[in-house]
Amino acid sequence: MVLLSRADCCLCDEALAAIEQARSEVPFTFEIRDVDEDPALAALYGEEVPVVLVDGRKAFKYRVEPRRLVRTLRGRRWFGLRGA
């Protein structure tokens, strides 16, 4: 899973908190990418952050619902168990 975010973004901070809440129920790995550090990501998602990609597909934008994220992840066959 990938959280696409940017610095000084209160919605991004909320998304990260929601992801951490979901991790308390389902173990998974994720990475955070700053869209402003990658021109390709900025072109694709710059106006939509935060964006959460699950298996490379957009699962959330703007707001992350922890319960829905847990359901989405439980529907997957594999969880990365290595930690963030």
Protein backbone atom coordinates (compact mmCIF):
# COMPACT_ATOMS: atom_id res chain seq x y z
CA MET A 1 0.00 0.00 0.00
CA VAL A 2 1.14 3.53 -0.73
CA LEU A 3 0.03 6.79 0.83
CA LEU A 4 0.57 9.66 -1.59
CA SER A 5 0.85 12.83 0.39
CA ARG A 6 2.66 16.15 0.69
CA ALA A 7 4.19 18.26 3.41
CA ASP A 8 1.95 20.53 5.47
CA CYS A 9 -1.25 18.74 4.46
CA CYS A 10 -3.74 18.29 7.29
CA LEU A 11 -5.80 15.77 5.31
CA CYS A 12 -2.60 13.78 4.73
CA ASP A 13 -1.98 13.73 8.48
CA GLU A 14 -5.54 12.48 9.02
CA ALA A 15 -5.04 9.78 6.36
CA LEU A 16 -1.87 8.60 8.07
CA ALA A 17 -3.70 8.40 11.41
CA ALA A 18 -6.49 6.36 9.77
CA ILE A 19 -3.92 4.00 8.24
CA GLU A 20 -2.26 3.52 11.61
CA GLN A 21 -5.67 2.82 13.16
CA ALA A 22 -6.35 0.15 10.51
CA ARG A 23 -2.92 -1.40 11.19
CA SER A 24 -4.02 -2.07 14.76
CA GLU A 25 -6.52 -4.57 13.32
CA VAL A 26 -4.74 -5.87 10.22
CA PRO A 27 -0.96 -6.03 9.87
CA PHE A 28 0.30 -4.56 6.60
CA THR A 29 3.16 -2.59 5.20
CA PHE A 30 2.89 0.75 3.53
CA GLU A 31 5.08 3.50 2.25
CA ILE A 32 4.59 7.24 2.09
CA ARG A 33 5.49 9.08 -1.09
CA ASP A 34 5.54 12.85 -1.40
CA VAL A 35 3.86 13.74 -4.69
CA ASP A 36 5.81 16.98 -4.86
CA GLU A 37 9.09 15.06 -5.09
CA ASP A 38 8.03 13.13 -8.21
CA PRO A 39 6.77 15.06 -11.26
CA ALA A 40 4.90 12.02 -12.60
CA LEU A 41 3.03 11.52 -9.31
CA ALA A 42 2.34 15.25 -9.08
CA ALA A 43 0.83 15.21 -12.56
CA LEU A 44 -1.39 12.22 -11.77
CA TYR A 45 -2.38 12.88 -8.17
CA GLY A 46 -1.24 16.37 -7.19
CA GLU A 47 -4.75 17.77 -6.84
CA GLU A 48 -6.16 14.70 -5.08
CA VAL A 49 -3.86 14.12 -2.09
CA PRO A 50 -3.99 12.28 0.09
CA VAL A 51 -4.43 9.23 -2.11
CA VAL A 52 -4.12 5.65 -0.92
CA LEU A 53 -3.13 3.03 -3.48
CA VAL A 54 -3.82 -0.61 -2.63
CA ASP A 55 -2.20 -3.06 -5.01
CA GLY A 56 -1.50 -0.13 -7.33
CA ARG A 57 -5.15 0.93 -7.53
CA LYS A 58 -6.66 4.05 -6.04
CA ALA A 59 -8.65 2.99 -2.98
CA PHE A 60 -9.12 6.39 -1.28
CA LYS A 61 -8.62 10.04 -2.00
CA TYR A 62 -8.99 13.00 0.36
CA ARG A 63 -10.27 10.93 3.29
CA VAL A 64 -9.44 7.42 4.49
CA GLU A 65 -12.06 5.45 6.36
CA PRO A 66 -10.26 2.99 8.68
CA ARG A 67 -13.09 0.42 8.75
CA ARG A 68 -13.36 0.41 4.96
CA LEU A 69 -9.59 0.13 4.66
CA VAL A 70 -9.61 -2.90 6.96
CA ARG A 71 -12.35 -4.52 4.85
CA THR A 72 -10.41 -3.78 1.68
CA LEU A 73 -7.24 -5.30 3.09
CA ARG A 74 -8.97 -8.35 4.49
CA GLY A 75 -10.30 -9.00 1.01
CA ARG A 76 -6.75 -9.33 -0.30
CA ARG A 77 -4.93 -12.65 -0.33
CA TRP A 78 -1.65 -11.36 1.07
CA PHE A 79 -0.62 -8.76 3.60
CA GLY A 80 2.95 -7.55 3.79
CA LEU A 81 3.93 -8.33 7.36
CA ARG A 82 7.30 -6.59 7.49
CA GLY A 83 6.26 -3.32 9.11
CA ALA A 84 6.12 0.13 7.57
